[in-house]
Amino acid sequence: GSIIALLGANGAGKTTLIRAVNGTLPIASGEIFIE
């Protein structure tokens, strides 16, 4: 039910974060959970 707006200057890592959440970019550390 929620929307998060991801803001920042060019090169801040916004698209990188989206790709990580979608599983198309590997992460070096940490974890992502879906449902």
Full PDB file with SEQRES, HELIX, SHEET, SSBOND, CRYST1, ORIGX, SCALE, CONECT and MASTER records, all heavy atoms in Angstrom:
SEQRES   1 A   35  GLY SER ILE ILE ALA LEU LEU GLY ALA ASN GLY ALA GLY          
SEQRES   2 A   35  LYS THR THR LEU ILE ARG ALA VAL ASN GLY THR LEU PRO          
SEQRES   3 A   35  ILE ALA SER GLY GLU ILE PHE ILE GLU                          
HELIX    1 AA1 LYS A   14  VAL A   21  1                                   8    
CRYST1    1.000    1.000    1.000  90.00  90.00  90.00 P 1           1          
ORIGX1      1.000000  0.000000  0.000000        0.00000                         
ORIGX2      0.000000  1.000000  0.000000        0.00000                         
ORIGX3      0.000000  0.000000  1.000000        0.00000                         
SCALE1      1.000000  0.000000  0.000000        0.00000                         
SCALE2      0.000000  1.000000  0.000000        0.00000                         
SCALE3      0.000000  0.000000  1.000000        0.00000                         
ATOM      1  N   GLY A   1       0.787  -1.221   0.000  1.00  0.00           N  
ATOM      2  CA  GLY A   1       0.000   0.000   0.000  1.00  0.00           C  
ATOM      3  C   GLY A   1       0.819   1.272   0.000  1.00  0.00           C  
ATOM      4  O   GLY A   1       0.246   2.369  -0.017  1.00  0.00           O  
ATOM      5  N   SER A   2       2.139   1.157   0.007  1.00  0.00           N  
ATOM      6  CA  SER A   2       3.002   2.332   0.154  1.00  0.00           C  
ATOM      7  C   SER A   2       3.833   2.611  -1.097  1.00  0.00           C  
ATOM      8  O   SER A   2       4.154   1.702  -1.867  1.00  0.00           O  
ATOM      9  CB  SER A   2       3.957   2.149   1.338  1.00  0.00           C  
ATOM     10  OG  SER A   2       3.238   2.039   2.547  1.00  0.00           O  
ATOM     11  N   ILE A   3       4.186   3.876  -1.257  1.00  0.00           N  
ATOM     12  CA  ILE A   3       5.085   4.317  -2.315  1.00  0.00           C  
ATOM     13  C   ILE A   3       6.288   4.998  -1.678  1.00  0.00           C  
ATOM     14  O   ILE A   3       6.131   5.887  -0.836  1.00  0.00           O  
ATOM     15  CB  ILE A   3       4.396   5.303  -3.278  1.00  0.00           C  
ATOM     16  CG1 ILE A   3       3.232   4.635  -4.011  1.00  0.00           C  
ATOM     17  CG2 ILE A   3       5.407   5.862  -4.296  1.00  0.00           C  
ATOM     18  CD1 ILE A   3       2.430   5.596  -4.878  1.00  0.00           C  
ATOM     19  N   ILE A   4       7.476   4.579  -2.092  1.00  0.00           N  
ATOM     20  CA  ILE A   4       8.709   5.268  -1.717  1.00  0.00           C  
ATOM     21  C   ILE A   4       9.239   5.981  -2.950  1.00  0.00           C  
ATOM     22  O   ILE A   4       9.391   5.367  -4.013  1.00  0.00           O  
ATOM     23  CB  ILE A   4       9.780   4.290  -1.188  1.00  0.00           C  
ATOM     24  CG1 ILE A   4       9.404   3.780   0.203  1.00  0.00           C  
ATOM     25  CG2 ILE A   4      11.156   4.957  -1.142  1.00  0.00           C  
ATOM     26  CD1 ILE A   4      10.387   2.765   0.776  1.00  0.00           C  
ATOM     27  N   ALA A   5       9.491   7.267  -2.834  1.00  0.00           N  
ATOM     28  CA  ALA A   5      10.149   8.030  -3.897  1.00  0.00           C  
ATOM     29  C   ALA A   5      11.644   8.059  -3.593  1.00  0.00           C  
ATOM     30  O   ALA A   5      12.056   8.419  -2.489  1.00  0.00           O  
ATOM     31  CB  ALA A   5       9.590   9.440  -3.979  1.00  0.00           C  
ATOM     32  N   LEU A   6      12.426   7.671  -4.577  1.00  0.00           N  
ATOM     33  CA  LEU A   6      13.878   7.608  -4.437  1.00  0.00           C  
ATOM     34  C   LEU A   6      14.468   8.803  -5.187  1.00  0.00           C  
ATOM     35  O   LEU A   6      14.341   8.904  -6.411  1.00  0.00           O  
ATOM     36  CB  LEU A   6      14.385   6.291  -5.013  1.00  0.00           C  
ATOM     37  CG  LEU A   6      15.813   5.855  -4.726  1.00  0.00           C  
ATOM     38  CD1 LEU A   6      16.078   5.761  -3.237  1.00  0.00           C  
ATOM     39  CD2 LEU A   6      16.083   4.511  -5.403  1.00  0.00           C  
ATOM     40  N   LEU A   7      15.071   9.717  -4.430  1.00  0.00           N  
ATOM     41  CA  LEU A   7      15.569  10.959  -4.992  1.00  0.00           C  
ATOM     42  C   LEU A   7      17.075  11.073  -4.772  1.00  0.00           C  
ATOM     43  O   LEU A   7      17.625  10.520  -3.817  1.00  0.00           O  
ATOM     44  CB  LEU A   7      14.880  12.164  -4.347  1.00  0.00           C  
ATOM     45  CG  LEU A   7      13.356  12.173  -4.284  1.00  0.00           C  
ATOM     46  CD1 LEU A   7      12.879  13.430  -3.565  1.00  0.00           C  
ATOM     47  CD2 LEU A   7      12.760  12.099  -5.674  1.00  0.00           C  
ATOM     48  N   GLY A   8      17.713  11.833  -5.637  1.00  0.00           N  
ATOM     49  CA  GLY A   8      19.136  12.082  -5.485  1.00  0.00           C  
ATOM     50  C   GLY A   8      19.711  12.612  -6.778  1.00  0.00           C  
ATOM     51  O   GLY A   8      19.096  12.515  -7.846  1.00  0.00           O  
ATOM     52  N   ALA A   9      20.906  13.174  -6.691  1.00  0.00           N  
ATOM     53  CA  ALA A   9      21.578  13.694  -7.873  1.00  0.00           C  
ATOM     54  C   ALA A   9      21.971  12.546  -8.800  1.00  0.00           C  
ATOM     55  O   ALA A   9      21.980  11.374  -8.403  1.00  0.00           O  
ATOM     56  CB  ALA A   9      22.810  14.497  -7.453  1.00  0.00           C  
ATOM     57  N   ASN A  10      22.303  12.868 -10.045  1.00  0.00           N  
ATOM     58  CA  ASN A  10      22.789  11.852 -10.974  1.00  0.00           C  
ATOM     59  C   ASN A  10      24.022  11.171 -10.389  1.00  0.00           C  
ATOM     60  O   ASN A  10      24.917  11.827  -9.857  1.00  0.00           O  
ATOM     61  CB  ASN A  10      23.143  12.486 -12.317  1.00  0.00           C  
ATOM     62  CG  ASN A  10      21.915  12.982 -13.062  1.00  0.00           C  
ATOM     63  OD1 ASN A  10      20.817  12.471 -12.867  1.00  0.00           O  
ATOM     64  ND2 ASN A  10      22.099  13.988 -13.903  1.00  0.00           N  
ATOM     65  N   GLY A  11      24.053   9.833 -10.496  1.00  0.00           N  
ATOM     66  CA  GLY A  11      25.189   9.092  -9.978  1.00  0.00           C  
ATOM     67  C   GLY A  11      25.110   8.757  -8.505  1.00  0.00           C  
ATOM     68  O   GLY A  11      26.057   8.204  -7.941  1.00  0.00           O  
ATOM     69  N   ALA A  12      23.971   9.040  -7.867  1.00  0.00           N  
ATOM     70  CA  ALA A  12      23.833   8.790  -6.430  1.00  0.00           C  
ATOM     71  C   ALA A  12      23.615   7.315  -6.105  1.00  0.00           C  
ATOM     72  O   ALA A  12      23.764   6.911  -4.953  1.00  0.00           O  
ATOM     73  CB  ALA A  12      22.682   9.608  -5.856  1.00  0.00           C  
ATOM     74  N   GLY A  13      23.241   6.506  -7.115  1.00  0.00           N  
ATOM     75  CA  GLY A  13      23.025   5.087  -6.893  1.00  0.00           C  
ATOM     76  C   GLY A  13      21.579   4.652  -6.966  1.00  0.00           C  
ATOM     77  O   GLY A  13      21.242   3.518  -6.596  1.00  0.00           O  
ATOM     78  N   LYS A  14      20.708   5.505  -7.487  1.00  0.00           N  
ATOM     79  CA  LYS A  14      19.270   5.206  -7.495  1.00  0.00           C  
ATOM     80  C   LYS A  14      18.954   3.997  -8.388  1.00  0.00           C  
ATOM     81  O   LYS A  14      18.283   3.057  -7.947  1.00  0.00           O  
ATOM     82  CB  LYS A  14      18.492   6.443  -7.958  1.00  0.00           C  
ATOM     83  CG  LYS A  14      18.713   7.681  -7.118  1.00  0.00           C  
ATOM     84  CD  LYS A  14      17.874   8.850  -7.572  1.00  0.00           C  
ATOM     85  CE  LYS A  14      18.166   9.316  -8.986  1.00  0.00           C  
ATOM     86  NZ  LYS A  14      19.554   9.830  -9.158  1.00  0.00           N  
ATOM     87  N   THR A  15      19.401   4.034  -9.633  1.00  0.00           N  
ATOM     88  CA  THR A  15      19.128   2.924 -10.546  1.00  0.00           C  
ATOM     89  C   THR A  15      19.825   1.654 -10.080  1.00  0.00           C  
ATOM     90  O   THR A  15      19.276   0.548 -10.205  1.00  0.00           O  
ATOM     91  CB  THR A  15      19.574   3.295 -11.977  1.00  0.00           C  
ATOM     92  OG1 THR A  15      18.788   4.409 -12.431  1.00  0.00           O  
ATOM     93  CG2 THR A  15      19.374   2.132 -12.939  1.00  0.00           C  
ATOM     94  N   THR A  16      21.005   1.776  -9.524  1.00  0.00           N  
ATOM     95  CA  THR A  16      21.708   0.624  -8.972  1.00  0.00           C  
ATOM     96  C   THR A  16      20.867  -0.047  -7.892  1.00  0.00           C  
ATOM     97  O   THR A  16      20.748  -1.279  -7.843  1.00  0.00           O  
ATOM     98  CB  THR A  16      23.068   1.061  -8.378  1.00  0.00           C  
ATOM     99  OG1 THR A  16      23.893   1.568  -9.435  1.00  0.00           O  
ATOM    100  CG2 THR A  16      23.774  -0.098  -7.707  1.00  0.00           C  
ATOM    101  N   LEU A  17      20.244   0.750  -7.048  1.00  0.00           N  
ATOM    102  CA  LEU A  17      19.403   0.200  -5.986  1.00  0.00           C  
ATOM    103  C   LEU A  17      18.185  -0.519  -6.555  1.00  0.00           C  
ATOM    104  O   LEU A  17      17.835  -1.621  -6.114  1.00  0.00           O  
ATOM    105  CB  LEU A  17      18.967   1.319  -5.032  1.00  0.00           C  
ATOM    106  CG  LEU A  17      18.056   0.927  -3.864  1.00  0.00           C  
ATOM    107  CD1 LEU A  17      18.665  -0.198  -3.046  1.00  0.00           C  
ATOM    108  CD2 LEU A  17      17.774   2.143  -2.984  1.00  0.00           C  
ATOM    109  N   ILE A  18      17.544   0.067  -7.556  1.00  0.00           N  
ATOM    110  CA  ILE A  18      16.401  -0.574  -8.210  1.00  0.00           C  
ATOM    111  C   ILE A  18      16.809  -1.922  -8.798  1.00  0.00           C  
ATOM    112  O   ILE A  18      16.113  -2.934  -8.661  1.00  0.00           O  
ATOM    113  CB  ILE A  18      15.838   0.343  -9.320  1.00  0.00           C  
ATOM    114  CG1 ILE A  18      15.080   1.530  -8.724  1.00  0.00           C  
ATOM    115  CG2 ILE A  18      14.944  -0.442 -10.280  1.00  0.00           C  
ATOM    116  CD1 ILE A  18      13.672   1.238  -8.312  1.00  0.00           C  
ATOM    117  N   ARG A  19      17.949  -1.968  -9.464  1.00  0.00           N  
ATOM    118  CA  ARG A  19      18.415  -3.217 -10.090  1.00  0.00           C  
ATOM    119  C   ARG A  19      18.740  -4.270  -9.044  1.00  0.00           C  
ATOM    120  O   ARG A  19      18.522  -5.468  -9.265  1.00  0.00           O  
ATOM    121  CB  ARG A  19      19.625  -2.930 -10.972  1.00  0.00           C  
ATOM    122  CG  ARG A  19      19.312  -2.085 -12.205  1.00  0.00           C  
ATOM    123  CD  ARG A  19      20.571  -1.799 -13.009  1.00  0.00           C  
ATOM    124  NE  ARG A  19      21.165  -3.031 -13.507  1.00  0.00           N  
ATOM    125  CZ  ARG A  19      22.411  -3.123 -13.959  1.00  0.00           C  
ATOM    126  NH1 ARG A  19      23.196  -2.059 -13.956  1.00  0.00           N  
ATOM    127  NH2 ARG A  19      22.869  -4.276 -14.406  1.00  0.00           N  
ATOM    128  N   ALA A  20      19.233  -3.846  -7.899  1.00  0.00           N  
ATOM    129  CA  ALA A  20      19.517  -4.802  -6.827  1.00  0.00           C  
ATOM    130  C   ALA A  20      18.232  -5.404  -6.279  1.00  0.00           C  
ATOM    131  O   ALA A  20      18.139  -6.614  -6.047  1.00  0.00           O  
ATOM    132  CB  ALA A  20      20.308  -4.117  -5.721  1.00  0.00           C  
ATOM    133  N   VAL A  21      17.221  -4.553  -6.078  1.00  0.00           N  
ATOM    134  CA  VAL A  21      15.940  -5.035  -5.546  1.00  0.00           C  
ATOM    135  C   VAL A  21      15.272  -5.986  -6.531  1.00  0.00           C  
ATOM    136  O   VAL A  21      14.566  -6.920  -6.136  1.00  0.00           O  
ATOM    137  CB  VAL A  21      15.029  -3.840  -5.209  1.00  0.00           C  
ATOM    138  CG1 VAL A  21      13.628  -4.314  -4.840  1.00  0.00           C  
ATOM    139  CG2 VAL A  21      15.616  -3.025  -4.065  1.00  0.00           C  
ATOM    140  N   ASN A  22      15.502  -5.781  -7.825  1.00  0.00           N  
ATOM    141  CA  ASN A  22      14.938  -6.658  -8.850  1.00  0.00           C  
ATOM    142  C   ASN A  22      15.768  -7.924  -9.066  1.00  0.00           C  
ATOM    143  O   ASN A  22      15.392  -8.789  -9.853  1.00  0.00           O  
ATOM    144  CB  ASN A  22      14.817  -5.885 -10.175  1.00  0.00           C  
ATOM    145  CG  ASN A  22      14.045  -6.651 -11.226  1.00  0.00           C  
ATOM    146  OD1 ASN A  22      13.060  -7.306 -10.921  1.00  0.00           O  
ATOM    147  ND2 ASN A  22      14.499  -6.592 -12.472  1.00  0.00           N  
ATOM    148  N   GLY A  23      16.904  -8.021  -8.403  1.00  0.00           N  
ATOM    149  CA  GLY A  23      17.731  -9.214  -8.530  1.00  0.00           C  
ATOM    150  C   GLY A  23      18.574  -9.277  -9.779  1.00  0.00           C  
ATOM    151  O   GLY A  23      19.150 -10.324 -10.088  1.00  0.00           O  
ATOM    152  N   THR A  24      18.680  -8.167 -10.524  1.00  0.00           N  
ATOM    153  CA  THR A  24      19.493  -8.175 -11.748  1.00  0.00           C  
ATOM    154  C   THR A  24      20.907  -7.668 -11.508  1.00  0.00           C  
ATOM    155  O   THR A  24      21.712  -7.638 -12.430  1.00  0.00           O  
ATOM    156  CB  THR A  24      18.833  -7.325 -12.845  1.00  0.00           C  
ATOM    157  OG1 THR A  24      18.629  -5.994 -12.364  1.00  0.00           O  
ATOM    158  CG2 THR A  24      17.496  -7.921 -13.257  1.00  0.00           C  
ATOM    159  N   LEU A  25      21.206  -7.276 -10.272  1.00  0.00           N  
ATOM    160  CA  LEU A  25      22.540  -6.805  -9.928  1.00  0.00           C  
ATOM    161  C   LEU A  25      22.923  -7.425  -8.586  1.00  0.00           C  
ATOM    162  O   LEU A  25      22.190  -7.278  -7.604  1.00  0.00           O  
ATOM    163  CB  LEU A  25      22.556  -5.273  -9.831  1.00  0.00           C  
ATOM    164  CG  LEU A  25      23.915  -4.596  -9.682  1.00  0.00           C  
ATOM    165  CD1 LEU A  25      24.751  -4.804 -10.939  1.00  0.00           C  
ATOM    166  CD2 LEU A  25      23.739  -3.105  -9.425  1.00  0.00           C  
ATOM    167  N   PRO A  26      24.045  -8.131  -8.524  1.00  0.00           N  
ATOM    168  CA  PRO A  26      24.420  -8.788  -7.264  1.00  0.00           C  
ATOM    169  C   PRO A  26      24.853  -7.776  -6.212  1.00  0.00           C  
ATOM    170  O   PRO A  26      25.385  -6.712  -6.530  1.00  0.00           O  
ATOM    171  CB  PRO A  26      25.596  -9.685  -7.678  1.00  0.00           C  
ATOM    172  CG  PRO A  26      26.163  -9.033  -8.896  1.00  0.00           C  
ATOM    173  CD  PRO A  26      25.006  -8.409  -9.608  1.00  0.00           C  
ATOM    174  N   ILE A  27      24.599  -8.115  -4.964  1.00  0.00           N  
ATOM    175  CA  ILE A  27      25.016  -7.258  -3.861  1.00  0.00           C  
ATOM    176  C   ILE A  27      26.275  -7.841  -3.225  1.00  0.00           C  
ATOM    177  O   ILE A  27      26.478  -9.055  -3.211  1.00  0.00           O  
ATOM    178  CB  ILE A  27      23.895  -7.093  -2.812  1.00  0.00           C  
ATOM    179  CG1 ILE A  27      23.473  -8.443  -2.220  1.00  0.00           C  
ATOM    180  CG2 ILE A  27      22.695  -6.384  -3.438  1.00  0.00           C  
ATOM    181  CD1 ILE A  27      22.415  -8.332  -1.153  1.00  0.00           C  
ATOM    182  N   ALA A  28      27.114  -6.948  -2.706  1.00  0.00           N  
ATOM    183  CA  ALA A  28      28.364  -7.386  -2.075  1.00  0.00           C  
ATOM    184  C   ALA A  28      28.121  -7.873  -0.653  1.00  0.00           C  
ATOM    185  O   ALA A  28      28.803  -8.785  -0.176  1.00  0.00           O  
ATOM    186  CB  ALA A  28      29.376  -6.240  -2.083  1.00  0.00           C  
ATOM    187  N   SER A  29      27.153  -7.254   0.024  1.00  0.00           N  
ATOM    188  CA  SER A  29      26.825  -7.659   1.390  1.00  0.00           C  
ATOM    189  C   SER A  29      25.409  -7.212   1.714  1.00  0.00           C  
ATOM    190  O   SER A  29      24.821  -6.397   1.007  1.00  0.00           O  
ATOM    191  CB  SER A  29      27.811  -7.048   2.390  1.00  0.00           C  
ATOM    192  OG  SER A  29      27.774  -5.630   2.338  1.00  0.00           O  
ATOM    193  N   GLY A  30      24.861  -7.752   2.804  1.00  0.00           N  
ATOM    194  CA  GLY A  30      23.497  -7.456   3.202  1.00  0.00           C  
ATOM    195  C   GLY A  30      22.520  -8.454   2.628  1.00  0.00           C  
ATOM    196  O   GLY A  30      22.892  -9.429   1.978  1.00  0.00           O  
ATOM    197  N   GLU A  31      21.235  -8.191   2.839  1.00  0.00           N  
ATOM    198  CA  GLU A  31      20.181  -9.091   2.366  1.00  0.00           C  
ATOM    199  C   GLU A  31      18.976  -8.298   1.890  1.00  0.00           C  
ATOM    200  O   GLU A  31      18.697  -7.215   2.402  1.00  0.00           O  
ATOM    201  CB  GLU A  31      19.741 -10.044   3.480  1.00  0.00           C  
ATOM    202  CG  GLU A  31      20.747 -11.120   3.840  1.00  0.00           C  
ATOM    203  CD  GLU A  31      20.179 -12.093   4.859  1.00  0.00           C  
ATOM    204  OE1 GLU A  31      19.933 -11.655   5.999  1.00  0.00           O  
ATOM    205  OE2 GLU A  31      19.968 -13.272   4.509  1.00  0.00           O  
ATOM    206  N   ILE A  32      18.271  -8.881   0.923  1.00  0.00           N  
ATOM    207  CA  ILE A  32      17.013  -8.322   0.431  1.00  0.00           C  
ATOM    208  C   ILE A  32      15.946  -9.399   0.562  1.00  0.00           C  
ATOM    209  O   ILE A  32      16.158 -10.548   0.144  1.00  0.00           O  
ATOM    210  CB  ILE A  32      17.128  -7.859  -1.031  1.00  0.00           C  
ATOM    211  CG1 ILE A  32      18.189  -6.759  -1.169  1.00  0.00           C  
ATOM    212  CG2 ILE A  32      15.774  -7.358  -1.547  1.00  0.00           C  
ATOM    213  CD1 ILE A  32      18.488  -6.369  -2.600  1.00  0.00           C  
ATOM    214  N   PHE A  33      14.800  -9.042   1.147  1.00  0.00           N  
ATOM    215  CA  PHE A  33      13.688  -9.967   1.317  1.00  0.00           C  
ATOM    216  C   PHE A  33      12.489  -9.458   0.523  1.00  0.00           C  
ATOM    217  O   PHE A  33      12.181  -8.264   0.534  1.00  0.00           O  
ATOM    218  CB  PHE A  33      13.286 -10.082   2.793  1.00  0.00           C  
ATOM    219  CG  PHE A  33      14.358 -10.665   3.672  1.00  0.00           C  
ATOM    220  CD1 PHE A  33      15.359  -9.856   4.193  1.00  0.00           C  
ATOM    221  CD2 PHE A  33      14.359 -12.013   3.992  1.00  0.00           C  
ATOM    222  CE1 PHE A  33      16.342 -10.380   5.009  1.00  0.00           C  
ATOM    223  CE2 PHE A  33      15.339 -12.547   4.810  1.00  0.00           C  
ATOM    224  CZ  PHE A  33      16.336 -11.730   5.320  1.00  0.00           C  
ATOM    225  N   ILE A  34      11.811 -10.360  -0.161  1.00  0.00           N  
ATOM    226  CA  ILE A  34      10.557 -10.059  -0.847  1.00  0.00           C  
ATOM    227  C   ILE A  34       9.491 -10.985  -0.289  1.00  0.00           C  
ATOM    228  O   ILE A  34       9.617 -12.217  -0.361  1.00  0.00           O  
ATOM    229  CB  ILE A  34      10.681 -10.234  -2.366  1.00  0.00           C  
ATOM    230  CG1 ILE A  34      11.636  -9.179  -2.940  1.00  0.00           C  
ATOM    231  CG2 ILE A  34       9.304 -10.124  -3.034  1.00  0.00           C  
ATOM    232  CD1 ILE A  34      11.792  -9.241  -4.439  1.00  0.00           C  
ATOM    233  N   GLU A  35       8.478 -10.384   0.302  1.00  0.00           N  
ATOM    234  CA  GLU A  35       7.394 -11.125   0.935  1.00  0.00           C  
ATOM    235  C   GLU A  35       7.945 -12.176   1.897  1.00  0.00           C  
ATOM    236  O   GLU A  35       7.473 -13.321   1.946  1.00  0.00           O  
ATOM    237  CB  GLU A  35       6.483 -11.753  -0.123  1.00  0.00           C  
ATOM    238  CG  GLU A  35       5.778 -10.701  -0.984  1.00  0.00           C  
ATOM    239  CD  GLU A  35       4.876 -11.293  -2.052  1.00  0.00           C  
ATOM    240  OE1 GLU A  35       5.030 -12.491  -2.354  1.00  0.00           O  
ATOM    241  OE2 GLU A  35       4.029 -10.559  -2.581  1.00  0.00           O  
TER     242      GLU A  35                                                      
MASTER        0    0    0    1    0    0    0    6  241    1    0    3          
END                                                                             
